[in-house]
């Protein structure tokens, strides 16, 4: 239980004259660019939370490194829980930079790819309060918003979808078929039962089909495989920011003309070859509606 006095103490900091002037300026502009420096990470997180609470519009923060971004997101989440609990505010989002560069013939770490894919989907879908990304992540070009909105799939009882189509979609966004389902990013099919462990979910979901109709949705325990909770819907979040289909991989192989790339098969670094087929024109900022852009510690960004 959060002490109301503690919450009020933090909220009172938002009434500081300088902070009030900043929010008035940003409200007039409906978007803008500001610099943030000289505060501890905890103080930054508090004032960024108060800023979003005041403006109720997306805030995009550029940091120097992934580690700085991770710490800031964790602290912002703490203040969201403290000050905005129960208000339905979208959670803060981390959009990480990738850990390898184009030309290295390496694919990024799967966890980083998942974080980016989920984050970009949420940005493009308007489910964003505060997004934090290192400068290397902000420099990566993006697809249009509709491309990211189509990555995730929400299923509800009585929805119509062929199980084969569902499996094909999940494989295209990074899921793998395994039996039994025990970890995030896995799915299995047994008769009319489709088990899947969505990205960022606490428990996997058992989808029971009658023909092509979703008959029921239940959470289940991966250890016992027993259903524990009936749910009305579930959202299957992506693990890849670009759907990986055999057609796409064949086209990439033709474009690259490399002996070590087999047409239709995954190869290390395929993610960086996508712009050869579809040049990307967007940025993280263009995925947001009138965002406030904040440069964190500008001097550090110059050498990042």
C-alpha atoms as a PDB file:
ATOM      1  CA  UNK A   1       0.000   0.000   0.000  1.00  0.00           C
ATOM      2  CA  UNK A   2       1.452   3.362  -1.073  1.00  0.00           C
ATOM      3  CA  UNK A   3       1.483   6.032   1.602  1.00  0.00           C
ATOM      4  CA  UNK A   4      -0.613   8.999   0.313  1.00  0.00           C
ATOM      5  CA  UNK A   5       1.724  11.397   2.090  1.00  0.00           C
ATOM      6  CA  UNK A   6       4.725  10.051   0.154  1.00  0.00           C
ATOM      7  CA  UNK A   7       2.818  10.345  -3.123  1.00  0.00           C
ATOM      8  CA  UNK A   8       1.784  13.933  -2.324  1.00  0.00           C
ATOM      9  CA  UNK A   9       5.388  14.806  -1.440  1.00  0.00           C
ATOM     10  CA  UNK A  10       6.581  13.700  -4.876  1.00  0.00           C
ATOM     11  CA  UNK A  11       3.642  15.340  -6.641  1.00  0.00           C
ATOM     12  CA  UNK A  12       4.469  18.669  -4.969  1.00  0.00           C
ATOM     13  CA  UNK A  13       7.778  18.787  -6.855  1.00  0.00           C
ATOM     14  CA  UNK A  14       5.783  19.221 -10.054  1.00  0.00           C
ATOM     15  CA  UNK A  15       4.591  22.619  -8.764  1.00  0.00           C
ATOM     16  CA  UNK A  16       8.099  24.096  -8.872  1.00  0.00           C
ATOM     17  CA  UNK A  17       8.052  27.342 -10.900  1.00  0.00           C
ATOM     18  CA  UNK A  18      10.741  26.231 -13.388  1.00  0.00           C
ATOM     19  CA  UNK A  19       9.005  22.915 -14.015  1.00  0.00           C
ATOM     20  CA  UNK A  20       5.658  24.670 -14.486  1.00  0.00           C
ATOM     21  CA  UNK A  21       7.216  27.025 -17.034  1.00  0.00           C
ATOM     22  CA  UNK A  22       8.662  24.078 -18.962  1.00  0.00           C
ATOM     23  CA  UNK A  23       5.321  22.288 -19.128  1.00  0.00           C
ATOM     24  CA  UNK A  24       3.537  25.484 -20.246  1.00  0.00           C
ATOM     25  CA  UNK A  25       6.040  25.943 -23.067  1.00  0.00           C
ATOM     26  CA  UNK A  26       5.718  22.366 -24.221  1.00  0.00           C
ATOM     27  CA  UNK A  27       1.918  22.539 -24.040  1.00  0.00           C
ATOM     28  CA  UNK A  28       1.952  25.601 -26.308  1.00  0.00           C
ATOM     29  CA  UNK A  29       4.225  23.900 -28.827  1.00  0.00           C
ATOM     30  CA  UNK A  30       2.465  20.464 -28.579  1.00  0.00           C
ATOM     31  CA  UNK A  31       5.892  19.001 -29.333  1.00  0.00           C
ATOM     32  CA  UNK A  32       9.412  20.168 -28.766  1.00  0.00           C
ATOM     33  CA  UNK A  33      13.000  19.423 -27.956  1.00  0.00           C
ATOM     34  CA  UNK A  34      14.651  19.880 -24.576  1.00  0.00           C
ATOM     35  CA  UNK A  35      17.891  18.921 -22.881  1.00  0.00           C
ATOM     36  CA  UNK A  36      18.170  17.187 -19.522  1.00  0.00           C
ATOM     37  CA  UNK A  37      21.318  17.205 -17.436  1.00  0.00           C
ATOM     38  CA  UNK A  38      22.847  17.642 -14.020  1.00  0.00           C
ATOM     39  CA  UNK A  39      20.310  15.510 -12.130  1.00  0.00           C
ATOM     40  CA  UNK A  40      20.698  12.087 -10.568  1.00  0.00           C
ATOM     41  CA  UNK A  41      19.025   9.235 -12.482  1.00  0.00           C
ATOM     42  CA  UNK A  42      16.341   9.030  -9.780  1.00  0.00           C
ATOM     43  CA  UNK A  43      15.537  12.745 -10.025  1.00  0.00           C
ATOM     44  CA  UNK A  44      15.401  12.507 -13.827  1.00  0.00           C
ATOM     45  CA  UNK A  45      12.969   9.596 -13.627  1.00  0.00           C
ATOM     46  CA  UNK A  46      10.720  11.471 -11.190  1.00  0.00           C
ATOM     47  CA  UNK A  47      10.543  14.663 -13.251  1.00  0.00           C
ATOM     48  CA  UNK A  48      10.044  12.743 -16.495  1.00  0.00           C
ATOM     49  CA  UNK A  49       7.110  10.922 -14.894  1.00  0.00           C
ATOM     50  CA  UNK A  50       5.656  14.235 -13.693  1.00  0.00           C
ATOM     51  CA  UNK A  51       6.198  15.696 -17.165  1.00  0.00           C
ATOM     52  CA  UNK A  52       4.223  12.936 -18.835  1.00  0.00           C
ATOM     53  CA  UNK A  53       1.514  13.182 -16.167  1.00  0.00           C
ATOM     54  CA  UNK A  54       1.180  16.894 -16.915  1.00  0.00           C
ATOM     55  CA  UNK A  55       1.332  16.738 -20.726  1.00  0.00           C
ATOM     56  CA  UNK A  56      -0.344  13.367 -21.388  1.00  0.00           C
ATOM     57  CA  UNK A  57       1.588  13.075 -24.665  1.00  0.00           C
ATOM     58  CA  UNK A  58       4.480  10.807 -25.727  1.00  0.00           C
ATOM     59  CA  UNK A  59       7.929  11.629 -24.362  1.00  0.00           C
ATOM     60  CA  UNK A  60      10.999  10.264 -26.181  1.00  0.00           C
ATOM     61  CA  UNK A  61      14.319  10.320 -24.324  1.00  0.00           C
ATOM     62  CA  UNK A  62      17.694   9.791 -26.028  1.00  0.00           C
ATOM     63  CA  UNK A  63      20.484   8.482 -23.786  1.00  0.00           C
ATOM     64  CA  UNK A  64      24.134   7.665 -24.428  1.00  0.00           C
ATOM     65  CA  UNK A  65      24.121   3.862 -23.913  1.00  0.00           C
ATOM     66  CA  UNK A  66      21.828   0.867 -23.532  1.00  0.00           C
ATOM     67  CA  UNK A  67      22.765   0.580 -19.871  1.00  0.00           C
ATOM     68  CA  UNK A  68      21.802   4.191 -19.157  1.00  0.00           C
ATOM     69  CA  UNK A  69      18.496   3.642 -20.943  1.00  0.00           C
ATOM     70  CA  UNK A  70      17.779   0.433 -18.995  1.00  0.00           C
ATOM     71  CA  UNK A  71      18.411   2.105 -15.634  1.00  0.00           C
ATOM     72  CA  UNK A  72      16.263   5.108 -16.528  1.00  0.00           C
ATOM     73  CA  UNK A  73      13.340   2.951 -17.698  1.00  0.00           C
ATOM     74  CA  UNK A  74      13.446   0.910 -14.464  1.00  0.00           C
ATOM     75  CA  UNK A  75      13.399   4.082 -12.355  1.00  0.00           C
ATOM     76  CA  UNK A  76      10.590   5.634 -14.409  1.00  0.00           C
ATOM     77  CA  UNK A  77       8.541   2.452 -13.959  1.00  0.00           C
ATOM     78  CA  UNK A  78       9.028   2.759 -10.200  1.00  0.00           C
ATOM     79  CA  UNK A  79       7.586   6.280 -10.201  1.00  0.00           C
ATOM     80  CA  UNK A  80       4.776   5.228 -12.540  1.00  0.00           C
ATOM     81  CA  UNK A  81       3.823   2.567  -9.987  1.00  0.00           C
ATOM     82  CA  UNK A  82       4.056   5.110  -7.181  1.00  0.00           C
ATOM     83  CA  UNK A  83       2.311   8.103  -8.755  1.00  0.00           C
ATOM     84  CA  UNK A  84       0.102   6.699 -11.509  1.00  0.00           C
ATOM     85  CA  UNK A  85      -1.012   3.324 -10.165  1.00  0.00           C
ATOM     86  CA  UNK A  86      -4.567   2.512 -11.228  1.00  0.00           C
ATOM     87  CA  UNK A  87      -4.779   5.331 -13.781  1.00  0.00           C
ATOM     88  CA  UNK A  88      -4.296   3.110 -16.832  1.00  0.00           C
ATOM     89  CA  UNK A  89      -1.139   4.883 -17.973  1.00  0.00           C
ATOM     90  CA  UNK A  90       0.816   2.995 -20.675  1.00  0.00           C
ATOM     91  CA  UNK A  91       4.083   1.692 -19.192  1.00  0.00           C
ATOM     92  CA  UNK A  92       7.453   3.218 -20.121  1.00  0.00           C
ATOM     93  CA  UNK A  93       9.147   1.520 -23.068  1.00  0.00           C
ATOM     94  CA  UNK A  94      12.785   0.623 -23.734  1.00  0.00           C
ATOM     95  CA  UNK A  95      13.885   0.626 -27.388  1.00  0.00           C
ATOM     96  CA  UNK A  96      17.414  -0.816 -27.193  1.00  0.00           C
ATOM     97  CA  UNK A  97      20.246  -0.431 -29.647  1.00  0.00           C
ATOM     98  CA  UNK A  98      21.463  -3.622 -31.281  1.00  0.00           C
ATOM     99  CA  UNK A  99      24.688  -5.282 -30.156  1.00  0.00           C
ATOM    100  CA  UNK A 100      26.155  -5.886 -33.623  1.00  0.00           C
ATOM    101  CA  UNK A 101      26.691  -3.706 -36.674  1.00  0.00           C
ATOM    102  CA  UNK A 102      25.791  -4.156 -40.342  1.00  0.00           C
ATOM    103  CA  UNK A 103      28.549  -5.905 -42.248  1.00  0.00           C
ATOM    104  CA  UNK A 104      29.599  -8.170 -39.383  1.00  0.00           C
ATOM    105  CA  UNK A 105      27.530 -11.106 -40.722  1.00  0.00           C
ATOM    106  CA  UNK A 106      26.019 -11.543 -37.258  1.00  0.00           C
ATOM    107  CA  UNK A 107      22.453 -11.366 -35.992  1.00  0.00           C
ATOM    108  CA  UNK A 108      21.630  -9.310 -32.872  1.00  0.00           C
ATOM    109  CA  UNK A 109      20.931 -10.986 -29.538  1.00  0.00           C
ATOM    110  CA  UNK A 110      17.406 -12.414 -29.475  1.00  0.00           C
ATOM    111  CA  UNK A 111      16.458 -10.525 -26.297  1.00  0.00           C
ATOM    112  CA  UNK A 112      17.390  -7.199 -27.859  1.00  0.00           C
ATOM    113  CA  UNK A 113      15.423  -8.041 -30.997  1.00  0.00           C
ATOM    114  CA  UNK A 114      12.376  -8.912 -28.901  1.00  0.00           C
ATOM    115  CA  UNK A 115      12.598  -5.679 -26.898  1.00  0.00           C
ATOM    116  CA  UNK A 116      12.843  -3.609 -30.067  1.00  0.00           C
ATOM    117  CA  UNK A 117      10.012  -5.454 -31.807  1.00  0.00           C
ATOM    118  CA  UNK A 118       7.628  -5.109 -28.858  1.00  0.00           C
ATOM    119  CA  UNK A 119       8.648  -1.507 -28.275  1.00  0.00           C
ATOM    120  CA  UNK A 120       8.182  -0.481 -31.916  1.00  0.00           C
ATOM    121  CA  UNK A 121       4.786  -2.201 -31.994  1.00  0.00           C
ATOM    122  CA  UNK A 122       3.671  -0.266 -28.916  1.00  0.00           C
ATOM    123  CA  UNK A 123       4.957   3.039 -30.255  1.00  0.00           C
ATOM    124  CA  UNK A 124       3.217   2.534 -33.592  1.00  0.00           C
ATOM    125  CA  UNK A 125      -0.008   1.481 -31.838  1.00  0.00           C
ATOM    126  CA  UNK A 126      -0.163   4.586 -29.645  1.00  0.00           C
ATOM    127  CA  UNK A 127       0.477   2.550 -26.486  1.00  0.00           C
ATOM    128  CA  UNK A 128       3.312   4.754 -25.298  1.00  0.00           C
ATOM    129  CA  UNK A 129       3.836   7.162 -22.428  1.00  0.00           C
ATOM    130  CA  UNK A 130       7.620   7.482 -22.171  1.00  0.00           C
ATOM    131  CA  UNK A 131      10.053   5.773 -24.538  1.00  0.00           C
ATOM    132  CA  UNK A 132      13.778   5.616 -23.807  1.00  0.00           C
ATOM    133  CA  UNK A 133      16.406   4.692 -26.380  1.00  0.00           C
ATOM    134  CA  UNK A 134      20.184   5.080 -26.657  1.00  0.00           C
ATOM    135  CA  UNK A 135      21.426   7.267 -29.482  1.00  0.00           C
ATOM    136  CA  UNK A 136      22.565   4.186 -31.431  1.00  0.00           C
ATOM    137  CA  UNK A 137      19.011   2.853 -31.257  1.00  0.00           C
ATOM    138  CA  UNK A 138      17.504   6.180 -32.314  1.00  0.00           C
ATOM    139  CA  UNK A 139      19.736   6.308 -35.394  1.00  0.00           C
ATOM    140  CA  UNK A 140      18.353   3.048 -36.813  1.00  0.00           C
ATOM    141  CA  UNK A 141      15.808   3.701 -39.559  1.00  0.00           C
ATOM    142  CA  UNK A 142      12.299   2.294 -39.145  1.00  0.00           C
ATOM    143  CA  UNK A 143       9.386   1.072 -41.254  1.00  0.00           C
ATOM    144  CA  UNK A 144       6.070   2.934 -41.331  1.00  0.00           C
ATOM    145  CA  UNK A 145       3.784   2.617 -38.300  1.00  0.00           C
ATOM    146  CA  UNK A 146       1.327   0.261 -40.016  1.00  0.00           C
ATOM    147  CA  UNK A 147       4.088  -2.326 -40.580  1.00  0.00           C
ATOM    148  CA  UNK A 148       4.699  -2.553 -36.828  1.00  0.00           C
ATOM    149  CA  UNK A 149       1.009  -2.539 -35.919  1.00  0.00           C
ATOM    150  CA  UNK A 150       0.556  -5.708 -37.995  1.00  0.00           C
ATOM    151  CA  UNK A 151       3.242  -7.628 -36.094  1.00  0.00           C
ATOM    152  CA  UNK A 152       1.139  -8.418 -33.014  1.00  0.00           C
ATOM    153  CA  UNK A 153      -2.076 -10.419 -33.052  1.00  0.00           C
ATOM    154  CA  UNK A 154      -4.899 -10.229 -30.505  1.00  0.00           C
ATOM    155  CA  UNK A 155      -7.167 -13.273 -30.255  1.00  0.00           C
ATOM    156  CA  UNK A 156     -10.586 -13.364 -28.608  1.00  0.00           C
ATOM    157  CA  UNK A 157     -13.174 -16.052 -28.066  1.00  0.00           C
ATOM    158  CA  UNK A 158     -15.186 -16.739 -31.256  1.00  0.00           C
ATOM    159  CA  UNK A 159     -12.523 -15.196 -33.517  1.00  0.00           C
ATOM    160  CA  UNK A 160     -12.036 -16.994 -36.830  1.00  0.00           C
ATOM    161  CA  UNK A 161      -8.503 -17.942 -37.878  1.00  0.00           C
ATOM    162  CA  UNK A 162      -7.055 -21.112 -39.371  1.00  0.00           C
ATOM    163  CA  UNK A 163      -4.546 -22.812 -37.076  1.00  0.00           C
ATOM    164  CA  UNK A 164      -2.067 -23.118 -39.959  1.00  0.00           C
ATOM    165  CA  UNK A 165      -2.345 -19.368 -40.599  1.00  0.00           C
ATOM    166  CA  UNK A 166      -1.780 -18.654 -36.912  1.00  0.00           C
ATOM    167  CA  UNK A 167       1.292 -20.908 -36.878  1.00  0.00           C
ATOM    168  CA  UNK A 168       2.683 -19.259 -40.032  1.00  0.00           C
ATOM    169  CA  UNK A 169       2.231 -15.780 -38.536  1.00  0.00           C
ATOM    170  CA  UNK A 170       3.937 -16.754 -35.281  1.00  0.00           C
ATOM    171  CA  UNK A 171       6.884 -18.289 -37.117  1.00  0.00           C
ATOM    172  CA  UNK A 172       7.245 -15.121 -39.201  1.00  0.00           C
ATOM    173  CA  UNK A 173       7.543 -12.953 -36.056  1.00  0.00           C
ATOM    174  CA  UNK A 174      10.148 -15.173 -34.409  1.00  0.00           C
ATOM    175  CA  UNK A 175       8.260 -17.943 -32.582  1.00  0.00           C
ATOM    176  CA  UNK A 176       9.413 -21.570 -32.778  1.00  0.00           C
ATOM    177  CA  UNK A 177       7.373 -24.768 -32.699  1.00  0.00           C
ATOM    178  CA  UNK A 178       8.253 -26.869 -29.633  1.00  0.00           C
ATOM    179  CA  UNK A 179       6.531 -29.624 -27.668  1.00  0.00           C
ATOM    180  CA  UNK A 180       5.734 -29.011 -24.883  1.00  0.00           C
ATOM    181  CA  UNK A 181       5.569 -25.214 -24.631  1.00  0.00           C
ATOM    182  CA  UNK A 182       7.716 -24.110 -21.684  1.00  0.00           C
ATOM    183  CA  UNK A 183       9.403 -20.816 -22.607  1.00  0.00           C
ATOM    184  CA  UNK A 184       8.550 -17.482 -24.225  1.00  0.00           C
ATOM    185  CA  UNK A 185       8.439 -17.607 -28.010  1.00  0.00           C
ATOM    186  CA  UNK A 186       7.327 -21.253 -28.277  1.00  0.00           C
ATOM    187  CA  UNK A 187       4.109 -22.757 -29.651  1.00  0.00           C
ATOM    188  CA  UNK A 188       2.709 -26.233 -30.283  1.00  0.00           C
ATOM    189  CA  UNK A 189      -0.301 -27.824 -31.973  1.00  0.00           C
ATOM    190  CA  UNK A 190      -2.077 -30.961 -30.757  1.00  0.00           C
ATOM    191  CA  UNK A 191      -5.346 -31.690 -32.526  1.00  0.00           C
ATOM    192  CA  UNK A 192      -7.589 -28.694 -31.872  1.00  0.00           C
ATOM    193  CA  UNK A 193      -5.364 -27.287 -29.117  1.00  0.00           C
ATOM    194  CA  UNK A 194      -2.861 -24.513 -29.853  1.00  0.00           C
ATOM    195  CA  UNK A 195      -0.440 -23.683 -27.008  1.00  0.00           C
ATOM    196  CA  UNK A 196       1.646 -20.507 -27.204  1.00  0.00           C
ATOM    197  CA  UNK A 197       3.878 -18.600 -24.781  1.00  0.00           C
ATOM    198  CA  UNK A 198       3.589 -14.931 -25.828  1.00  0.00           C
ATOM    199  CA  UNK A 199       6.469 -12.505 -25.483  1.00  0.00           C
ATOM    200  CA  UNK A 200       6.413 -10.625 -22.156  1.00  0.00           C
ATOM    201  CA  UNK A 201       3.672 -12.900 -20.760  1.00  0.00           C
ATOM    202  CA  UNK A 202       3.794 -14.426 -17.272  1.00  0.00           C
ATOM    203  CA  UNK A 203       2.144 -17.651 -18.402  1.00  0.00           C
ATOM    204  CA  UNK A 204       1.497 -19.402 -21.722  1.00  0.00           C
ATOM    205  CA  UNK A 205      -1.967 -19.573 -23.291  1.00  0.00           C
ATOM    206  CA  UNK A 206      -3.947 -22.648 -24.389  1.00  0.00           C
ATOM    207  CA  UNK A 207      -6.205 -21.848 -27.340  1.00  0.00           C
ATOM    208  CA  UNK A 208      -8.906 -24.422 -28.021  1.00  0.00           C
ATOM    209  CA  UNK A 209     -10.296 -24.416 -31.560  1.00  0.00           C
ATOM    210  CA  UNK A 210     -13.518 -25.753 -33.010  1.00  0.00           C
ATOM    211  CA  UNK A 211     -12.702 -25.817 -36.704  1.00  0.00           C
ATOM    212  CA  UNK A 212     -11.294 -22.377 -37.426  1.00  0.00           C
ATOM    213  CA  UNK A 213     -13.121 -20.753 -34.504  1.00  0.00           C
ATOM    214  CA  UNK A 214     -11.471 -19.891 -31.168  1.00  0.00           C
ATOM    215  CA  UNK A 215     -13.602 -21.745 -28.615  1.00  0.00           C
ATOM    216  CA  UNK A 216     -11.722 -20.851 -25.409  1.00  0.00           C
ATOM    217  CA  UNK A 217      -8.559 -19.212 -24.090  1.00  0.00           C
ATOM    218  CA  UNK A 218      -6.879 -20.336 -20.876  1.00  0.00           C
ATOM    219  CA  UNK A 219      -3.611 -19.559 -19.118  1.00  0.00           C
ATOM    220  CA  UNK A 220      -1.683 -22.645 -18.048  1.00  0.00           C
ATOM    221  CA  UNK A 221       1.296 -23.548 -15.901  1.00  0.00           C
ATOM    222  CA  UNK A 222       4.291 -24.544 -18.051  1.00  0.00           C
ATOM    223  CA  UNK A 223       5.605 -26.871 -15.309  1.00  0.00           C
ATOM    224  CA  UNK A 224       2.423 -28.948 -14.989  1.00  0.00           C
ATOM    225  CA  UNK A 225       0.780 -28.062 -18.349  1.00  0.00           C
ATOM    226  CA  UNK A 226      -2.493 -27.617 -16.422  1.00  0.00           C
ATOM    227  CA  UNK A 227      -4.930 -24.795 -17.229  1.00  0.00           C
ATOM    228  CA  UNK A 228      -5.305 -22.286 -14.379  1.00  0.00           C
ATOM    229  CA  UNK A 229      -7.314 -19.293 -15.624  1.00  0.00           C
ATOM    230  CA  UNK A 230      -9.861 -18.620 -18.341  1.00  0.00           C
ATOM    231  CA  UNK A 231      -9.273 -15.336 -20.222  1.00  0.00           C
ATOM    232  CA  UNK A 232     -11.302 -13.381 -22.770  1.00  0.00           C
ATOM    233  CA  UNK A 233      -8.386 -12.426 -25.020  1.00  0.00           C
ATOM    234  CA  UNK A 234      -4.630 -12.624 -25.446  1.00  0.00           C
ATOM    235  CA  UNK A 235      -2.155 -10.558 -27.435  1.00  0.00           C
ATOM    236  CA  UNK A 236       0.720 -12.345 -29.151  1.00  0.00           C
ATOM    237  CA  UNK A 237       3.578  -9.845 -29.243  1.00  0.00           C
ATOM    238  CA  UNK A 238       6.413 -10.097 -31.794  1.00  0.00           C
ATOM    239  CA  UNK A 239       9.990 -11.240 -31.300  1.00  0.00           C
ATOM    240  CA  UNK A 240      11.114  -9.849 -34.678  1.00  0.00           C
ATOM    241  CA  UNK A 241      10.542  -6.346 -36.030  1.00  0.00           C
ATOM    242  CA  UNK A 242      10.489  -7.659 -39.614  1.00  0.00           C
ATOM    243  CA  UNK A 243       8.401 -10.742 -40.519  1.00  0.00           C
ATOM    244  CA  UNK A 244      10.781 -13.453 -41.716  1.00  0.00           C
ATOM    245  CA  UNK A 245       9.109 -15.383 -44.536  1.00  0.00           C
ATOM    246  CA  UNK A 246      10.688 -17.781 -47.022  1.00  0.00           C
ATOM    247  CA  UNK A 247       9.755 -15.383 -49.818  1.00  0.00           C
ATOM    248  CA  UNK A 248      11.613 -12.549 -48.119  1.00  0.00           C
ATOM    249  CA  UNK A 249      14.658 -14.737 -47.455  1.00  0.00           C
ATOM    250  CA  UNK A 250      14.748 -15.920 -51.088  1.00  0.00           C
ATOM    251  CA  UNK A 251      14.627 -12.318 -52.299  1.00  0.00           C
ATOM    252  CA  UNK A 252      17.450 -11.366 -49.934  1.00  0.00           C
ATOM    253  CA  UNK A 253      19.572 -14.281 -51.192  1.00  0.00           C
ATOM    254  CA  UNK A 254      19.037 -13.161 -54.792  1.00  0.00           C
ATOM    255  CA  UNK A 255      19.980  -9.595 -53.899  1.00  0.00           C
ATOM    256  CA  UNK A 256      23.114 -10.526 -51.939  1.00  0.00           C
ATOM    257  CA  UNK A 257      24.431 -13.197 -54.338  1.00  0.00           C
ATOM    258  CA  UNK A 258      26.527 -14.789 -51.580  1.00  0.00           C
ATOM    259  CA  UNK A 259      27.673 -18.412 -51.655  1.00  0.00           C
ATOM    260  CA  UNK A 260      27.023 -18.834 -47.934  1.00  0.00           C
ATOM    261  CA  UNK A 261      23.376 -17.704 -48.145  1.00  0.00           C
ATOM    262  CA  UNK A 262      20.851 -20.423 -49.005  1.00  0.00           C
ATOM    263  CA  UNK A 263      17.689 -19.103 -50.706  1.00  0.00           C
ATOM    264  CA  UNK A 264      14.709 -19.276 -48.341  1.00  0.00           C
ATOM    265  CA  UNK A 265      16.809 -20.024 -45.244  1.00  0.00           C
ATOM    266  CA  UNK A 266      17.807 -17.817 -42.329  1.00  0.00           C
ATOM    267  CA  UNK A 267      21.393 -16.579 -42.313  1.00  0.00           C
ATOM    268  CA  UNK A 268      23.408 -14.527 -39.796  1.00  0.00           C
ATOM    269  CA  UNK A 269      22.826 -10.816 -40.256  1.00  0.00           C
ATOM    270  CA  UNK A 270      19.695 -11.150 -42.421  1.00  0.00           C
ATOM    271  CA  UNK A 271      18.053  -8.399 -40.360  1.00  0.00           C
ATOM    272  CA  UNK A 272      20.479  -5.783 -41.712  1.00  0.00           C
ATOM    273  CA  UNK A 273      19.856  -6.752 -45.344  1.00  0.00           C
ATOM    274  CA  UNK A 274      16.158  -5.791 -45.325  1.00  0.00           C
ATOM    275  CA  UNK A 275      16.757  -2.210 -46.571  1.00  0.00           C
ATOM    276  CA  UNK A 276      18.185  -3.679 -49.784  1.00  0.00           C
ATOM    277  CA  UNK A 277      14.614  -4.677 -50.624  1.00  0.00           C
ATOM    278  CA  UNK A 278      12.658  -2.036 -48.686  1.00  0.00           C
ATOM    279  CA  UNK A 279      14.586   1.152 -47.933  1.00  0.00           C
ATOM    280  CA  UNK A 280      13.526   2.501 -44.537  1.00  0.00           C
ATOM    281  CA  UNK A 281      12.675   6.194 -44.325  1.00  0.00           C
ATOM    282  CA  UNK A 282      11.257   6.556 -40.806  1.00  0.00           C
ATOM    283  CA  UNK A 283      12.691   7.067 -37.338  1.00  0.00           C
ATOM    284  CA  UNK A 284      11.478   6.217 -33.850  1.00  0.00           C
ATOM    285  CA  UNK A 285      10.316   9.824 -33.525  1.00  0.00           C
ATOM    286  CA  UNK A 286       8.077   9.586 -36.619  1.00  0.00           C
ATOM    287  CA  UNK A 287       6.232   6.624 -35.077  1.00  0.00           C
ATOM    288  CA  UNK A 288       4.934   8.897 -32.295  1.00  0.00           C
ATOM    289  CA  UNK A 289       2.194  11.510 -32.411  1.00  0.00           C
ATOM    290  CA  UNK A 290       3.614  14.940 -31.471  1.00  0.00           C
ATOM    291  CA  UNK A 291       6.327  13.602 -29.164  1.00  0.00           C
ATOM    292  CA  UNK A 292       8.389  15.653 -26.749  1.00  0.00           C
ATOM    293  CA  UNK A 293      12.037  14.820 -27.514  1.00  0.00           C
ATOM    294  CA  UNK A 294      14.527  15.053 -24.648  1.00  0.00           C
ATOM    295  CA  UNK A 295      18.292  14.733 -25.025  1.00  0.00           C
ATOM    296  CA  UNK A 296      19.716  13.237 -21.834  1.00  0.00           C
ATOM    297  CA  UNK A 297      23.127  14.650 -20.855  1.00  0.00           C
ATOM    298  CA  UNK A 298      23.931  16.238 -24.244  1.00  0.00           C
ATOM    299  CA  UNK A 299      27.672  16.328 -23.590  1.00  0.00           C
ATOM    300  CA  UNK A 300      27.739  12.554 -23.081  1.00  0.00           C
ATOM    301  CA  UNK A 301      25.745  12.063 -26.284  1.00  0.00           C
ATOM    302  CA  UNK A 302      28.443  13.817 -28.295  1.00  0.00           C
ATOM    303  CA  UNK A 303      30.910  11.043 -27.534  1.00  0.00           C
ATOM    304  CA  UNK A 304      28.454   8.118 -27.443  1.00  0.00           C
END
